[in-house]
Amino acid sequence: MGNRPATEFVASLGPRVLNDRGQVKVNPTLQLVAFPNIFALGDAIEWDEQKQLAKYQKHADIVVANVLSYLKGITPSKKYTGSPELIVVTNGKVMQFLSYSDE
């Protein structure tokens, strides 16, 4: 279901990098399973969660911490465990704001 991520460029790393939907296979440290020196995040990763903009901050926090560890020669240990699912409910096509005055 849904769109496929634009990960064709990653496919050049070999068949073990993407799943059959074109998502990047990562472990909980958000490192590629086949290439632990490469990190991935966002809608492109194979993770059992809804693909939502609100999740990027937590993805980024994990990747930044783990890249810094990796560059220092320390095994990355910060793990992504998922984020709460969000739902947005719209209320019509046009937003109307009510203004109240003390007059």
C-alpha atoms as a PDB file:
ATOM      1  CA  MET A   1       0.000   0.000   0.000  1.00  0.00           C
ATOM      2  CA  GLY A   2       1.051   3.578  -0.408  1.00  0.00           C
ATOM      3  CA  ASN A   3       3.942   5.101  -2.246  1.00  0.00           C
ATOM      4  CA  ARG A   4       7.343   3.534  -2.609  1.00  0.00           C
ATOM      5  CA  PRO A   5      10.317   5.481  -1.245  1.00  0.00           C
ATOM      6  CA  ALA A   6      12.802   6.941  -3.735  1.00  0.00           C
ATOM      7  CA  THR A   7      15.644   4.599  -2.767  1.00  0.00           C
ATOM      8  CA  GLU A   8      16.780   3.348  -6.164  1.00  0.00           C
ATOM      9  CA  PHE A   9      20.208   4.910  -5.602  1.00  0.00           C
ATOM     10  CA  VAL A  10      20.685   2.764  -2.484  1.00  0.00           C
ATOM     11  CA  ALA A  11      19.936  -0.390  -4.493  1.00  0.00           C
ATOM     12  CA  SER A  12      23.401  -0.057  -6.047  1.00  0.00           C
ATOM     13  CA  LEU A  13      24.788  -1.337  -2.729  1.00  0.00           C
ATOM     14  CA  GLY A  14      23.343  -4.768  -3.464  1.00  0.00           C
ATOM     15  CA  PRO A  15      20.243  -6.893  -2.998  1.00  0.00           C
ATOM     16  CA  ARG A  16      20.508  -7.129   0.816  1.00  0.00           C
ATOM     17  CA  VAL A  17      19.978  -3.397   1.329  1.00  0.00           C
ATOM     18  CA  LEU A  18      16.313  -2.939   0.335  1.00  0.00           C
ATOM     19  CA  ASN A  19      13.197  -4.971   1.031  1.00  0.00           C
ATOM     20  CA  ASP A  20      10.705  -5.830  -1.702  1.00  0.00           C
ATOM     21  CA  ARG A  21       8.929  -2.471  -1.186  1.00  0.00           C
ATOM     22  CA  GLY A  22      12.139  -0.487  -1.686  1.00  0.00           C
ATOM     23  CA  GLN A  23      12.576   0.361   1.998  1.00  0.00           C
ATOM     24  CA  VAL A  24      16.066   0.414   3.515  1.00  0.00           C
ATOM     25  CA  LYS A  25      16.699  -2.459   5.928  1.00  0.00           C
ATOM     26  CA  VAL A  26      17.968  -1.052   9.236  1.00  0.00           C
ATOM     27  CA  ASN A  27      18.619  -2.377  12.714  1.00  0.00           C
ATOM     28  CA  PRO A  28      17.437  -0.561  15.900  1.00  0.00           C
ATOM     29  CA  THR A  29      20.508   1.729  15.826  1.00  0.00           C
ATOM     30  CA  LEU A  30      19.266   2.838  12.378  1.00  0.00           C
ATOM     31  CA  GLN A  31      22.374   1.421  10.728  1.00  0.00           C
ATOM     32  CA  LEU A  32      21.932  -0.502   7.502  1.00  0.00           C
ATOM     33  CA  VAL A  33      21.837  -4.213   8.257  1.00  0.00           C
ATOM     34  CA  ALA A  34      24.225  -4.988   5.388  1.00  0.00           C
ATOM     35  CA  PHE A  35      26.464  -1.909   5.864  1.00  0.00           C
ATOM     36  CA  PRO A  36      26.776  -0.830   9.530  1.00  0.00           C
ATOM     37  CA  ASN A  37      28.874   2.183   8.499  1.00  0.00           C
ATOM     38  CA  ILE A  38      25.789   3.711   6.802  1.00  0.00           C
ATOM     39  CA  PHE A  39      22.802   5.123   8.693  1.00  0.00           C
ATOM     40  CA  ALA A  40      19.269   5.785   7.411  1.00  0.00           C
ATOM     41  CA  LEU A  41      16.135   7.460   8.747  1.00  0.00           C
ATOM     42  CA  GLY A  42      12.734   8.771   7.735  1.00  0.00           C
ATOM     43  CA  ASP A  43      10.126   7.301   5.436  1.00  0.00           C
ATOM     44  CA  ALA A  44      12.742   5.294   3.558  1.00  0.00           C
ATOM     45  CA  ILE A  45      13.481   2.873   6.401  1.00  0.00           C
ATOM     46  CA  GLU A  46      11.882  -0.501   6.942  1.00  0.00           C
ATOM     47  CA  TRP A  47      10.267   0.023  10.332  1.00  0.00           C
ATOM     48  CA  ASP A  48       6.816  -1.075  11.423  1.00  0.00           C
ATOM     49  CA  GLU A  49       5.264   2.345  11.980  1.00  0.00           C
ATOM     50  CA  GLN A  50       3.301   4.959  10.094  1.00  0.00           C
ATOM     51  CA  LYS A  51       5.472   7.231   7.983  1.00  0.00           C
ATOM     52  CA  GLN A  52       4.900  10.658   9.533  1.00  0.00           C
ATOM     53  CA  LEU A  53       6.840  13.904   9.671  1.00  0.00           C
ATOM     54  CA  ALA A  54       6.514  13.988  13.466  1.00  0.00           C
ATOM     55  CA  LYS A  55       8.800  10.935  13.770  1.00  0.00           C
ATOM     56  CA  TYR A  56      11.814  12.506  12.059  1.00  0.00           C
ATOM     57  CA  GLN A  57      13.086  14.287  15.171  1.00  0.00           C
ATOM     58  CA  LYS A  58      13.422  11.042  17.114  1.00  0.00           C
ATOM     59  CA  HIS A  59      15.005   9.349  14.086  1.00  0.00           C
ATOM     60  CA  ALA A  60      17.479  12.226  13.809  1.00  0.00           C
ATOM     61  CA  ASP A  61      18.339  12.118  17.528  1.00  0.00           C
ATOM     62  CA  ILE A  62      19.203   8.413  17.259  1.00  0.00           C
ATOM     63  CA  VAL A  63      21.228   8.797  14.065  1.00  0.00           C
ATOM     64  CA  VAL A  64      23.201  11.827  15.300  1.00  0.00           C
ATOM     65  CA  ALA A  65      24.114  10.132  18.590  1.00  0.00           C
ATOM     66  CA  ASN A  66      25.116   6.923  16.826  1.00  0.00           C
ATOM     67  CA  VAL A  67      27.104   8.611  14.053  1.00  0.00           C
ATOM     68  CA  LEU A  68      29.053  10.575  16.669  1.00  0.00           C
ATOM     69  CA  SER A  69      29.759   7.350  18.578  1.00  0.00           C
ATOM     70  CA  TYR A  70      30.785   5.579  15.368  1.00  0.00           C
ATOM     71  CA  LEU A  71      33.179   8.400  14.434  1.00  0.00           C
ATOM     72  CA  LYS A  72      34.785   8.167  17.893  1.00  0.00           C
ATOM     73  CA  GLY A  73      35.325   4.436  17.407  1.00  0.00           C
ATOM     74  CA  ILE A  74      32.589   3.514  19.882  1.00  0.00           C
ATOM     75  CA  THR A  75      29.950   0.950  18.935  1.00  0.00           C
ATOM     76  CA  PRO A  76      26.663   2.809  18.384  1.00  0.00           C
ATOM     77  CA  SER A  77      24.251   1.886  21.160  1.00  0.00           C
ATOM     78  CA  LYS A  78      21.334   4.329  21.061  1.00  0.00           C
ATOM     79  CA  LYS A  79      18.330   2.340  19.816  1.00  0.00           C
ATOM     80  CA  TYR A  80      15.161   3.461  18.119  1.00  0.00           C
ATOM     81  CA  THR A  81      12.141   1.839  19.727  1.00  0.00           C
ATOM     82  CA  GLY A  82       9.448   3.640  17.780  1.00  0.00           C
ATOM     83  CA  SER A  83       7.321   6.714  18.327  1.00  0.00           C
ATOM     84  CA  PRO A  84       3.686   7.234  19.253  1.00  0.00           C
ATOM     85  CA  GLU A  85       1.284   7.074  16.328  1.00  0.00           C
ATOM     86  CA  LEU A  86      -0.500  10.331  15.570  1.00  0.00           C
ATOM     87  CA  ILE A  87      -3.824  11.029  13.947  1.00  0.00           C
ATOM     88  CA  VAL A  88      -5.005  14.267  12.405  1.00  0.00           C
ATOM     89  CA  VAL A  89      -8.695  14.950  12.051  1.00  0.00           C
ATOM     90  CA  THR A  90      -9.726  17.816   9.831  1.00  0.00           C
ATOM     91  CA  ASN A  91     -12.808  19.899  10.431  1.00  0.00           C
ATOM     92  CA  GLY A  92     -13.840  21.188   7.018  1.00  0.00           C
ATOM     93  CA  LYS A  93     -11.968  22.866   4.192  1.00  0.00           C
ATOM     94  CA  VAL A  94     -11.584  26.362   5.643  1.00  0.00           C
ATOM     95  CA  MET A  95     -10.316  27.323   9.073  1.00  0.00           C
ATOM     96  CA  GLN A  96     -12.354  29.993  10.756  1.00  0.00           C
ATOM     97  CA  PHE A  97     -11.094  31.855  13.789  1.00  0.00           C
ATOM     98  CA  LEU A  98     -13.456  33.470  16.190  1.00  0.00           C
ATOM     99  CA  SER A  99     -12.480  36.769  17.691  1.00  0.00           C
ATOM    100  CA  TYR A 100     -13.862  37.938  20.997  1.00  0.00           C
ATOM    101  CA  SER A 101     -13.669  41.451  22.185  1.00  0.00           C
ATOM    102  CA  ASP A 102     -14.087  43.031  25.634  1.00  0.00           C
ATOM    103  CA  GLU A 103     -16.068  45.906  24.138  1.00  0.00           C
END
